[in-house]
Amino acid sequence: MSLHADALAVVAGWTAPGQRQEALRAEIATHLGTHPTGVWRTCFPDHLTAGTIVLSDDAEHVLLNLHGKARRWFAFGGHCEEGDVTLAAVARREALEESGLPAEMLRFDETPVHMDIHTVDFCDPRGPVRHLDVRFVATVPATTAHRASEESLDVRWWPLAALPELGDEMLDLIDHARRRVQSASVGSSSRAADQPSR
C-alpha cells in the first residue's frame, strides 16, 4: 500500500470526536481523494502533514518544542518524506527527530487523536501553504532524556496546569490527547483488575 493510500484510509476511517473535528476530517479526506500527490509538499498550496503530541505517562505534562522559524511552542510534526510508508510512521519519525527521545521509550498510539488545517507563510518560497495536519499522541516517562533538533530553539516539558502561550488549536489538541491517554490508562487498570489472581 502506498503512503497516499494509507493516509486516505486512515483519515477516511477515523471517528472524529465532535463536529469541528469531523469537518476537518472530511476536508482532508476530500483533498486526498482528489489529489494523488496530496501527501507531498509539492502539492501546492495544500498538502498533508503529520505530527505527534507527547505527554508524560500520567498525562500531567506535555513535551513541546520552540519552533525556530515560528518562535512559538508546538507539538512535533512535519512533512511526509520519501521512505515513509504510513501516516503514523511520518508522525512517529517527526516526534523522534525533533525531540531526541529514544525510540524504545516512545509509546505511540497509531490512531489519530486530532486534525487541523492551518496556513503557514514561511514554509515554501512560492508563498503561503496550508498544512492539512493529522496528529497522533505518544507517551514517555517525564524523566526521559530529550534534546532540541536543528529546527527548534528548545524542547521542554510543561505542566498542563502552567502551559506557555498557545493557540486555541494547540490547547484543543492537548485536551484531546490528555483524554485519550487517561482513557487508555483507565482501560488498562480495568483489564488488570479483571485478571484472576493466581
N, C-alpha and C. Protein backbone atom coordinates (compact mmCIF):
# COMPACT_ATOMS: atom_id res chain seq x y z
N MET A 1 0.85 -1.20 0.00
CA MET A 1 0.00 0.00 0.00
C MET A 1 0.88 1.25 0.00
N SER A 2 0.54 2.22 -0.80
CA SER A 2 1.30 3.46 -0.87
C SER A 2 1.00 4.34 0.35
N LEU A 3 1.87 5.32 0.58
CA LEU A 3 1.63 6.27 1.66
C LEU A 3 0.32 7.01 1.44
N HIS A 4 0.04 7.40 0.20
CA HIS A 4 -1.21 8.09 -0.10
C HIS A 4 -2.41 7.22 0.24
N ALA A 5 -2.36 5.95 -0.16
CA ALA A 5 -3.48 5.05 0.12
C ALA A 5 -3.67 4.84 1.62
N ASP A 6 -2.55 4.71 2.34
CA ASP A 6 -2.64 4.55 3.80
C ASP A 6 -3.24 5.79 4.43
N ALA A 7 -2.76 6.96 4.03
CA ALA A 7 -3.26 8.21 4.62
C ALA A 7 -4.75 8.38 4.36
N LEU A 8 -5.17 8.09 3.13
CA LEU A 8 -6.59 8.22 2.80
C LEU A 8 -7.43 7.26 3.63
N ALA A 9 -6.96 6.03 3.80
CA ALA A 9 -7.69 5.05 4.60
C ALA A 9 -7.77 5.47 6.06
N VAL A 10 -6.67 5.98 6.58
CA VAL A 10 -6.64 6.42 7.98
C VAL A 10 -7.60 7.58 8.21
N VAL A 11 -7.53 8.57 7.36
CA VAL A 11 -8.37 9.76 7.52
C VAL A 11 -9.84 9.43 7.27
N ALA A 12 -10.12 8.67 6.21
CA ALA A 12 -11.50 8.33 5.88
C ALA A 12 -12.13 7.46 6.96
N GLY A 13 -11.33 6.63 7.61
CA GLY A 13 -11.87 5.71 8.60
C GLY A 13 -11.88 6.22 10.03
N TRP A 14 -11.38 7.43 10.24
CA TRP A 14 -11.26 7.96 11.60
C TRP A 14 -12.61 8.43 12.12
N THR A 15 -12.93 8.10 13.35
CA THR A 15 -14.13 8.59 14.01
C THR A 15 -13.79 9.87 14.76
N ALA A 16 -14.26 10.99 14.25
CA ALA A 16 -13.91 12.29 14.82
C ALA A 16 -14.68 12.56 16.11
N PRO A 17 -14.02 13.16 17.10
CA PRO A 17 -14.67 13.49 18.37
C PRO A 17 -15.35 14.86 18.33
N GLY A 18 -16.42 14.98 17.58
CA GLY A 18 -17.15 16.24 17.54
C GLY A 18 -17.26 16.81 16.14
N GLN A 19 -18.15 17.80 15.99
CA GLN A 19 -18.46 18.36 14.68
C GLN A 19 -17.29 19.09 14.04
N ARG A 20 -16.57 19.87 14.80
CA ARG A 20 -15.44 20.62 14.26
C ARG A 20 -14.39 19.67 13.71
N GLN A 21 -14.05 18.64 14.48
CA GLN A 21 -13.06 17.67 14.02
C GLN A 21 -13.58 16.88 12.82
N GLU A 22 -14.87 16.61 12.78
CA GLU A 22 -15.45 15.89 11.64
C GLU A 22 -15.35 16.73 10.37
N ALA A 23 -15.58 18.03 10.47
CA ALA A 23 -15.48 18.90 9.30
C ALA A 23 -14.04 18.92 8.78
N LEU A 24 -13.07 18.95 9.67
CA LEU A 24 -11.67 18.92 9.27
C LEU A 24 -11.31 17.57 8.64
N ARG A 25 -11.77 16.49 9.27
CA ARG A 25 -11.52 15.15 8.72
C ARG A 25 -12.06 15.04 7.31
N ALA A 26 -13.29 15.52 7.10
CA ALA A 26 -13.92 15.43 5.79
C ALA A 26 -13.15 16.24 4.74
N GLU A 27 -12.67 17.42 5.12
CA GLU A 27 -11.92 18.25 4.16
C GLU A 27 -10.60 17.60 3.79
N ILE A 28 -9.91 17.03 4.78
CA ILE A 28 -8.64 16.37 4.50
C ILE A 28 -8.87 15.13 3.64
N ALA A 29 -9.91 14.37 3.94
CA ALA A 29 -10.23 13.18 3.14
C ALA A 29 -10.55 13.56 1.70
N THR A 30 -11.29 14.64 1.51
CA THR A 30 -11.62 15.11 0.16
C THR A 30 -10.37 15.51 -0.59
N HIS A 31 -9.48 16.21 0.09
CA HIS A 31 -8.22 16.62 -0.55
C HIS A 31 -7.44 15.39 -1.02
N LEU A 32 -7.32 14.39 -0.16
CA LEU A 32 -6.57 13.19 -0.53
C LEU A 32 -7.27 12.43 -1.64
N GLY A 33 -8.59 12.43 -1.61
CA GLY A 33 -9.34 11.71 -2.62
C GLY A 33 -9.25 12.33 -4.00
N THR A 34 -8.94 13.62 -4.06
CA THR A 34 -8.89 14.31 -5.35
C THR A 34 -7.47 14.69 -5.77
N HIS A 35 -6.49 14.47 -4.91
CA HIS A 35 -5.10 14.82 -5.23
C HIS A 35 -4.19 13.61 -4.96
N PRO A 36 -3.83 12.87 -6.00
CA PRO A 36 -2.96 11.70 -5.82
C PRO A 36 -1.60 12.05 -5.20
N THR A 37 -1.18 13.31 -5.34
CA THR A 37 0.09 13.74 -4.75
C THR A 37 -0.13 14.55 -3.46
N GLY A 38 -1.31 14.45 -2.89
CA GLY A 38 -1.68 15.29 -1.76
C GLY A 38 -0.90 15.10 -0.48
N VAL A 39 -0.12 14.02 -0.39
CA VAL A 39 0.70 13.81 0.81
C VAL A 39 2.04 14.53 0.72
N TRP A 40 2.40 15.01 -0.47
CA TRP A 40 3.74 15.59 -0.66
C TRP A 40 3.70 17.11 -0.67
N ARG A 41 4.77 17.73 -0.24
CA ARG A 41 4.83 19.19 -0.19
C ARG A 41 4.82 19.82 -1.58
N THR A 42 5.07 19.02 -2.61
CA THR A 42 4.97 19.53 -3.98
C THR A 42 3.53 19.83 -4.37
N CYS A 43 2.58 19.32 -3.63
CA CYS A 43 1.17 19.62 -3.87
C CYS A 43 0.89 21.00 -3.25
N PHE A 44 0.81 21.99 -4.10
CA PHE A 44 0.74 23.39 -3.64
C PHE A 44 -0.63 23.98 -3.95
N PRO A 45 -1.24 24.71 -3.01
CA PRO A 45 -0.68 25.12 -1.71
C PRO A 45 -1.08 24.20 -0.55
N ASP A 46 -1.97 23.23 -0.79
CA ASP A 46 -2.44 22.36 0.29
C ASP A 46 -1.74 21.01 0.23
N HIS A 47 -1.22 20.55 1.35
CA HIS A 47 -0.66 19.20 1.41
C HIS A 47 -0.70 18.68 2.84
N LEU A 48 -0.59 17.36 2.94
CA LEU A 48 -0.71 16.69 4.23
C LEU A 48 0.57 16.85 5.05
N THR A 49 0.40 16.99 6.35
CA THR A 49 1.49 16.90 7.31
C THR A 49 1.02 16.00 8.44
N ALA A 50 1.95 15.55 9.27
CA ALA A 50 1.59 14.68 10.39
C ALA A 50 2.47 15.01 11.58
N GLY A 51 1.93 14.83 12.77
CA GLY A 51 2.69 15.15 13.96
C GLY A 51 2.27 14.34 15.17
N THR A 52 2.99 14.56 16.24
CA THR A 52 2.75 13.82 17.48
C THR A 52 2.80 14.78 18.66
N ILE A 53 1.80 14.68 19.52
CA ILE A 53 1.83 15.38 20.79
C ILE A 53 2.31 14.37 21.83
N VAL A 54 3.36 14.72 22.56
CA VAL A 54 3.97 13.80 23.53
C VAL A 54 3.58 14.23 24.93
N LEU A 55 2.94 13.32 25.65
CA LEU A 55 2.56 13.55 27.03
C LEU A 55 3.35 12.64 27.96
N SER A 56 3.45 13.04 29.21
CA SER A 56 4.03 12.16 30.22
C SER A 56 3.05 11.02 30.50
N ASP A 57 3.56 9.95 31.07
CA ASP A 57 2.72 8.77 31.34
C ASP A 57 1.47 9.10 32.14
N ASP A 58 1.59 10.06 33.06
CA ASP A 58 0.45 10.41 33.91
C ASP A 58 -0.43 11.49 33.29
N ALA A 59 -0.09 11.90 32.07
CA ALA A 59 -0.87 12.92 31.33
C ALA A 59 -0.94 14.25 32.08
N GLU A 60 0.10 14.54 32.87
CA GLU A 60 0.15 15.80 33.60
C GLU A 60 1.12 16.81 32.98
N HIS A 61 1.97 16.34 32.06
CA HIS A 61 2.95 17.20 31.41
C HIS A 61 2.95 16.95 29.91
N VAL A 62 3.32 17.97 29.14
CA VAL A 62 3.41 17.85 27.69
C VAL A 62 4.79 18.33 27.25
N LEU A 63 5.40 17.60 26.31
CA LEU A 63 6.71 17.96 25.79
C LEU A 63 6.51 18.76 24.50
N LEU A 64 6.94 20.01 24.51
CA LEU A 64 6.75 20.90 23.36
C LEU A 64 8.09 21.39 22.83
N ASN A 65 8.11 21.79 21.55
CA ASN A 65 9.33 22.36 21.00
C ASN A 65 9.08 23.79 20.55
N LEU A 66 10.06 24.64 20.82
CA LEU A 66 10.00 26.04 20.43
C LEU A 66 10.53 26.14 19.00
N HIS A 67 9.62 26.30 18.05
CA HIS A 67 9.96 26.26 16.63
C HIS A 67 10.89 27.41 16.26
N GLY A 68 11.96 27.09 15.53
CA GLY A 68 12.97 28.09 15.22
C GLY A 68 12.47 29.23 14.35
N LYS A 69 11.59 28.93 13.37
CA LYS A 69 11.10 29.97 12.47
C LYS A 69 9.86 30.67 13.02
N ALA A 70 8.95 29.90 13.58
CA ALA A 70 7.70 30.49 14.08
C ALA A 70 7.89 31.17 15.43
N ARG A 71 8.92 30.76 16.18
CA ARG A 71 9.17 31.29 17.53
C ARG A 71 7.96 31.08 18.44
N ARG A 72 7.33 29.93 18.27
CA ARG A 72 6.18 29.56 19.11
C ARG A 72 6.33 28.10 19.52
N TRP A 73 5.67 27.74 20.61
CA TRP A 73 5.71 26.38 21.11
C TRP A 73 4.69 25.53 20.36
N PHE A 74 5.14 24.37 19.87
CA PHE A 74 4.29 23.47 19.11
C PHE A 74 4.53 22.02 19.54
N ALA A 75 3.62 21.16 19.08
CA ALA A 75 3.87 19.72 19.11
C ALA A 75 4.89 19.41 18.02
N PHE A 76 5.36 18.18 17.96
CA PHE A 76 6.33 17.77 16.94
C PHE A 76 5.59 17.37 15.66
N GLY A 77 6.17 17.71 14.52
CA GLY A 77 5.50 17.32 13.29
C GLY A 77 6.17 17.91 12.07
N GLY A 78 5.73 17.43 10.90
CA GLY A 78 6.31 17.94 9.66
C GLY A 78 5.79 17.22 8.44
N HIS A 79 6.54 17.32 7.36
CA HIS A 79 6.12 16.82 6.06
C HIS A 79 6.40 15.33 5.89
N CYS A 80 5.64 14.73 5.00
CA CYS A 80 5.90 13.36 4.58
C CYS A 80 7.16 13.36 3.73
N GLU A 81 7.93 12.27 3.83
CA GLU A 81 9.18 12.16 3.08
C GLU A 81 9.25 10.82 2.37
N GLU A 82 10.07 10.77 1.31
CA GLU A 82 10.29 9.51 0.61
C GLU A 82 10.79 8.47 1.62
N GLY A 83 10.23 7.30 1.55
CA GLY A 83 10.59 6.26 2.51
C GLY A 83 9.55 6.07 3.59
N ASP A 84 8.72 7.08 3.84
CA ASP A 84 7.62 6.91 4.79
C ASP A 84 6.57 6.00 4.15
N VAL A 85 6.11 5.03 4.91
CA VAL A 85 5.16 4.06 4.34
C VAL A 85 3.76 4.20 4.91
N THR A 86 3.64 4.80 6.10
CA THR A 86 2.33 5.03 6.69
C THR A 86 2.29 6.42 7.29
N LEU A 87 1.07 6.94 7.46
CA LEU A 87 0.91 8.25 8.07
C LEU A 87 1.40 8.23 9.52
N ALA A 88 1.11 7.14 10.24
CA ALA A 88 1.59 7.02 11.62
C ALA A 88 3.11 7.04 11.67
N ALA A 89 3.75 6.42 10.67
CA ALA A 89 5.21 6.41 10.64
C ALA A 89 5.78 7.80 10.45
N VAL A 90 5.09 8.63 9.66
CA VAL A 90 5.52 10.02 9.49
C VAL A 90 5.51 10.74 10.83
N ALA A 91 4.39 10.62 11.54
CA ALA A 91 4.24 11.31 12.82
C ALA A 91 5.26 10.81 13.84
N ARG A 92 5.48 9.52 13.87
CA ARG A 92 6.44 8.94 14.82
C ARG A 92 7.86 9.40 14.49
N ARG A 93 8.22 9.37 13.20
CA ARG A 93 9.55 9.81 12.79
C ARG A 93 9.79 11.26 13.18
N GLU A 94 8.82 12.12 12.91
CA GLU A 94 8.96 13.53 13.26
C GLU A 94 9.14 13.72 14.76
N ALA A 95 8.37 12.96 15.55
CA ALA A 95 8.49 13.08 17.01
C ALA A 95 9.89 12.71 17.47
N LEU A 96 10.44 11.63 16.94
CA LEU A 96 11.77 11.19 17.36
C LEU A 96 12.85 12.15 16.88
N GLU A 97 12.74 12.63 15.63
CA GLU A 97 13.75 13.54 15.09
C GLU A 97 13.78 14.86 15.84
N GLU A 98 12.60 15.39 16.17
CA GLU A 98 12.53 16.73 16.74
C GLU A 98 12.67 16.76 18.26
N SER A 99 12.46 15.62 18.90
CA SER A 99 12.53 15.60 20.37
C SER A 99 13.81 14.99 20.90
N GLY A 100 14.47 14.15 20.09
CA GLY A 100 15.64 13.45 20.59
C GLY A 100 15.31 12.34 21.56
N LEU A 101 14.03 12.01 21.71
CA LEU A 101 13.64 10.93 22.60
C LEU A 101 14.11 9.58 22.06
N PRO A 102 14.49 8.66 22.92
CA PRO A 102 14.88 7.33 22.45
C PRO A 102 13.66 6.57 21.93
N ALA A 103 13.80 5.95 20.77
CA ALA A 103 12.66 5.28 20.12
C ALA A 103 12.04 4.22 21.01
N GLU A 104 12.86 3.52 21.78
CA GLU A 104 12.33 2.41 22.59
C GLU A 104 11.48 2.90 23.76
N MET A 105 11.56 4.18 24.09
CA MET A 105 10.78 4.71 25.21
C MET A 105 9.44 5.29 24.77
N LEU A 106 9.27 5.55 23.46
CA LEU A 106 8.08 6.22 22.97
C LEU A 106 6.94 5.23 22.78
N ARG A 107 5.88 5.40 23.55
CA ARG A 107 4.67 4.56 23.40
C ARG A 107 3.70 5.34 22.51
N PHE A 108 3.61 4.89 21.27
CA PHE A 108 2.93 5.63 20.22
C PHE A 108 1.58 5.00 19.90
N ASP A 109 0.53 5.82 19.89
CA ASP A 109 -0.81 5.37 19.54
C ASP A 109 -1.03 5.61 18.05
N GLU A 110 -1.28 4.57 17.27
CA GLU A 110 -1.36 4.70 15.81
C GLU A 110 -2.72 5.17 15.30
N THR A 111 -3.64 5.49 16.20
CA THR A 111 -4.92 6.08 15.81
C THR A 111 -4.84 7.59 15.99
N PRO A 112 -5.18 8.37 14.96
CA PRO A 112 -5.12 9.83 15.13
C PRO A 112 -5.93 10.30 16.33
N VAL A 113 -5.47 11.39 16.93
CA VAL A 113 -6.18 11.96 18.07
C VAL A 113 -6.82 13.30 17.74
N HIS A 114 -6.37 13.94 16.63
CA HIS A 114 -6.79 15.31 16.35
C HIS A 114 -6.39 15.66 14.93
N MET A 115 -7.12 16.59 14.32
CA MET A 115 -6.76 17.09 12.99
C MET A 115 -6.90 18.60 12.97
N ASP A 116 -6.13 19.24 12.09
CA ASP A 116 -6.18 20.69 11.99
C ASP A 116 -5.74 21.11 10.59
N ILE A 117 -6.23 22.24 10.15
CA ILE A 117 -5.80 22.84 8.89
C ILE A 117 -5.38 24.27 9.18
N HIS A 118 -4.15 24.62 8.84
CA HIS A 118 -3.67 25.96 9.14
C HIS A 118 -2.73 26.45 8.04
N THR A 119 -2.69 27.75 7.88
CA THR A 119 -1.84 28.40 6.88
C THR A 119 -0.47 28.69 7.47
N VAL A 120 0.56 28.40 6.69
CA VAL A 120 1.95 28.65 7.10
C VAL A 120 2.60 29.51 6.02
N ASP A 121 3.18 30.63 6.42
CA ASP A 121 3.73 31.56 5.43
C ASP A 121 5.25 31.54 5.31
N PHE A 122 5.92 30.63 6.04
CA PHE A 122 7.38 30.60 5.99
C PHE A 122 7.91 29.27 5.46
N CYS A 123 7.03 28.44 4.93
CA CYS A 123 7.39 27.06 4.61
C CYS A 123 7.83 26.87 3.16
N ASP A 124 7.38 27.72 2.25
CA ASP A 124 7.59 27.48 0.83
C ASP A 124 7.88 28.80 0.12
N PRO A 125 8.92 28.86 -0.72
CA PRO A 125 9.24 30.12 -1.41
C PRO A 125 8.16 30.57 -2.40
N ARG A 126 7.26 29.65 -2.77
CA ARG A 126 6.20 30.01 -3.71
C ARG A 126 5.11 30.84 -3.04
N GLY A 127 5.07 30.83 -1.72
CA GLY A 127 4.04 31.58 -1.00
C GLY A 127 3.43 30.77 0.12
N PRO A 128 2.41 31.30 0.79
CA PRO A 128 1.77 30.60 1.89
C PRO A 128 1.21 29.24 1.46
N VAL A 129 1.30 28.27 2.35
CA VAL A 129 0.75 26.94 2.11
C VAL A 129 -0.25 26.62 3.22
N ARG A 130 -1.07 25.63 2.97
CA ARG A 130 -1.97 25.14 4.01
C ARG A 130 -1.55 23.73 4.38
N HIS A 131 -1.29 23.53 5.65
CA HIS A 131 -0.95 22.21 6.17
C HIS A 131 -2.22 21.52 6.64
N LEU A 132 -2.50 20.37 6.06
CA LEU A 132 -3.62 19.54 6.47
C LEU A 132 -3.03 18.52 7.44
N ASP A 133 -3.12 18.83 8.71
CA ASP A 133 -2.32 18.18 9.73
C ASP A 133 -3.09 17.10 10.48
N VAL A 134 -2.53 15.89 10.48
CA VAL A 134 -3.11 14.77 11.22
C VAL A 134 -2.20 14.51 12.41
N ARG A 135 -2.78 14.56 13.61
CA ARG A 135 -1.98 14.47 14.83
C ARG A 135 -2.23 13.16 15.56
N PHE A 136 -1.16 12.62 16.13
CA PHE A 136 -1.19 11.40 16.92
C PHE A 136 -0.70 11.74 18.33
N VAL A 137 -0.82 10.78 19.24
CA VAL A 137 -0.37 11.01 20.61
C VAL A 137 0.57 9.88 21.01
N ALA A 138 1.57 10.25 21.81
CA ALA A 138 2.51 9.27 22.37
C ALA A 138 2.81 9.66 23.80
N THR A 139 3.28 8.70 24.57
CA THR A 139 3.66 8.97 25.96
C THR A 139 5.06 8.44 26.24
N VAL A 140 5.73 9.11 27.16
CA VAL A 140 7.01 8.66 27.69
C VAL A 140 7.06 9.08 29.16
N PRO A 141 7.89 8.45 29.97
CA PRO A 141 8.10 8.97 31.32
C PRO A 141 8.67 10.38 31.25
N ALA A 142 8.24 11.24 32.15
CA ALA A 142 8.68 12.63 32.13
C ALA A 142 10.17 12.80 32.43
N THR A 143 10.81 11.74 32.89
CA THR A 143 12.24 11.80 33.19
C THR A 143 13.10 11.42 31.97
N THR A 144 12.47 11.06 30.86
CA THR A 144 13.20 10.61 29.68
C THR A 144 14.03 11.76 29.08
N ALA A 145 15.28 11.46 28.74
CA ALA A 145 16.15 12.49 28.16
C ALA A 145 15.63 12.92 26.80
N HIS A 146 15.78 14.21 26.50
CA HIS A 146 15.35 14.76 25.22
C HIS A 146 16.32 15.88 24.83
N ARG A 147 16.22 16.31 23.58
CA ARG A 147 17.10 17.40 23.11
C ARG A 147 16.42 18.10 21.93
N ALA A 148 16.80 19.33 21.69
CA ALA A 148 16.25 20.09 20.57
C ALA A 148 16.96 19.70 19.28
N SER A 149 16.21 19.71 18.18
CA SER A 149 16.79 19.45 16.87
C SER A 149 17.29 20.78 16.27
N GLU A 150 17.82 20.70 15.06
CA GLU A 150 18.30 21.92 14.38
C GLU A 150 17.16 22.87 14.07
N GLU A 151 15.92 22.35 13.99
CA GLU A 151 14.77 23.18 13.65
C GLU A 151 14.17 23.88 14.86
N SER A 152 14.61 23.49 16.06
CA SER A 152 13.99 24.01 17.28
C SER A 152 14.98 24.81 18.10
N LEU A 153 14.46 25.78 18.81
CA LEU A 153 15.27 26.56 19.74
C LEU A 153 15.33 25.92 21.11
N ASP A 154 14.31 25.12 21.44
CA ASP A 154 14.24 24.49 22.76
C ASP A 154 13.22 23.36 22.72
N VAL A 155 13.39 22.38 23.56
CA VAL A 155 12.40 21.33 23.81
C VAL A 155 12.25 21.23 25.32
N ARG A 156 11.01 21.31 25.79
CA ARG A 156 10.82 21.42 27.23
C ARG A 156 9.50 20.79 27.67
N TRP A 157 9.54 20.16 28.86
CA TRP A 157 8.31 19.67 29.49
C TRP A 157 7.57 20.85 30.12
N TRP A 158 6.25 20.87 29.92
CA TRP A 158 5.40 21.88 30.54
C TRP A 158 4.28 21.19 31.31
N PRO A 159 4.05 21.60 32.56
CA PRO A 159 2.88 21.07 33.27
C PRO A 159 1.60 21.59 32.61
N LEU A 160 0.59 20.73 32.51
CA LEU A 160 -0.65 21.15 31.86
C LEU A 160 -1.31 22.30 32.62
N ALA A 161 -0.98 22.42 33.89
CA ALA A 161 -1.56 23.50 34.69
C ALA A 161 -0.83 24.82 34.50
N ALA A 162 0.30 24.81 33.77
CA ALA A 162 1.08 26.05 33.59
C ALA A 162 1.72 26.05 32.20
N LEU A 163 0.90 26.03 31.19
CA LEU A 163 1.39 25.99 29.81
C LEU A 163 1.86 27.36 29.35
N PRO A 164 2.77 27.39 28.35
CA PRO A 164 3.15 28.68 27.76
C PRO A 164 1.98 29.21 26.93
N GLU A 165 2.15 30.37 26.35
CA GLU A 165 1.10 30.92 25.49
C GLU A 165 0.96 30.06 24.24
N LEU A 166 -0.24 29.52 24.05
CA LEU A 166 -0.51 28.63 22.93
C LEU A 166 -1.79 29.06 22.23
N GLY A 167 -1.89 28.71 20.94
CA GLY A 167 -3.11 28.98 20.21
C GLY A 167 -4.21 28.02 20.61
N ASP A 168 -5.43 28.37 20.26
CA ASP A 168 -6.59 27.55 20.63
C ASP A 168 -6.49 26.13 20.09
N GLU A 169 -5.96 25.99 18.86
CA GLU A 169 -5.90 24.64 18.28
C GLU A 169 -4.89 23.77 19.02
N MET A 170 -3.81 24.36 19.54
CA MET A 170 -2.86 23.59 20.32
C MET A 170 -3.46 23.18 21.66
N LEU A 171 -4.20 24.08 22.27
CA LEU A 171 -4.87 23.75 23.53
C LEU A 171 -5.90 22.65 23.32
N ASP A 172 -6.61 22.71 22.18
CA ASP A 172 -7.59 21.68 21.86
C ASP A 172 -6.91 20.33 21.65
N LEU A 173 -5.77 20.35 20.94
CA LEU A 173 -5.01 19.12 20.72
C LEU A 173 -4.56 18.51 22.04
N ILE A 174 -4.02 19.32 22.93
CA ILE A 174 -3.55 18.81 24.22
C ILE A 174 -4.70 18.23 25.01
N ASP A 175 -5.86 18.88 24.97
CA ASP A 175 -7.02 18.39 25.70
C ASP A 175 -7.47 17.03 25.17
N HIS A 176 -7.54 16.89 23.85
CA HIS A 176 -7.93 15.60 23.26
C HIS A 176 -6.91 14.51 23.59
N ALA A 177 -5.63 14.87 23.52
CA ALA A 177 -4.59 13.89 23.82
C ALA A 177 -4.64 13.45 25.28
N ARG A 178 -4.83 14.40 26.18
CA ARG A 178 -4.91 14.06 27.61
C ARG A 178 -6.06 13.10 27.88
N ARG A 179 -7.20 13.38 27.27
CA ARG A 179 -8.35 12.49 27.47
C ARG A 179 -8.10 11.10 26.90
N ARG A 180 -7.43 11.03 25.75
CA ARG A 180 -7.10 9.72 25.16
C ARG A 180 -6.19 8.92 26.08
N VAL A 181 -5.14 9.58 26.59
CA VAL A 181 -4.18 8.90 27.45
C VAL A 181 -4.84 8.47 28.76
N GLN A 182 -5.64 9.35 29.35
CA GLN A 182 -6.31 9.00 30.60
C GLN A 182 -7.29 7.85 30.39
N SER A 183 -7.99 7.86 29.26
CA SER A 183 -8.94 6.79 28.96
C SER A 183 -8.22 5.47 28.79
N ALA A 184 -7.07 5.50 28.10
CA ALA A 184 -6.29 4.28 27.92
C ALA A 184 -5.77 3.76 29.25
N SER A 185 -5.38 4.69 30.13
CA SER A 185 -4.88 4.30 31.44
C SER A 185 -5.97 3.64 32.27
N VAL A 186 -7.17 4.21 32.22
CA VAL A 186 -8.30 3.63 32.94
C VAL A 186 -8.62 2.25 32.40
N GLY A 187 -8.58 2.11 31.05
CA GLY A 187 -8.85 0.82 30.43
C GLY A 187 -7.85 -0.24 30.83
N SER A 188 -6.56 0.16 30.89
CA SER A 188 -5.51 -0.78 31.29
C SER A 188 -5.70 -1.21 32.74
N SER A 189 -6.07 -0.25 33.60
CA SER A 189 -6.29 -0.57 35.01
C SER A 189 -7.46 -1.52 35.18
N SER A 190 -8.52 -1.30 34.39
CA SER A 190 -9.70 -2.16 34.48
C SER A 190 -9.38 -3.57 34.02
N ARG A 191 -8.61 -3.70 32.93
CA ARG A 191 -8.25 -5.03 32.44
C ARG A 191 -7.38 -5.76 33.44
N ALA A 192 -6.47 -5.00 34.08
CA ALA A 192 -5.60 -5.63 35.08
C ALA A 192 -6.42 -6.10 36.27
N ALA A 193 -7.41 -5.32 36.66
CA ALA A 193 -8.24 -5.68 37.81
C ALA A 193 -9.09 -6.92 37.51
N ASP A 194 -9.41 -7.11 36.21
CA ASP A 194 -10.25 -8.26 35.83
C ASP A 194 -9.47 -9.55 35.73
N GLN A 195 -8.14 -9.48 35.75
CA GLN A 195 -7.35 -10.69 35.64
C GLN A 195 -7.49 -11.51 36.92
N PRO A 196 -7.71 -12.82 36.79
CA PRO A 196 -7.84 -13.64 38.00
C PRO A 196 -6.51 -13.75 38.74
N SER A 197 -6.58 -13.80 40.06
CA SER A 197 -5.37 -13.94 40.85
C SER A 197 -4.89 -15.38 40.78
N ARG A 198 -3.59 -15.54 40.90
CA ARG A 198 -3.01 -16.89 40.81
C ARG A 198 -2.65 -17.40 42.20
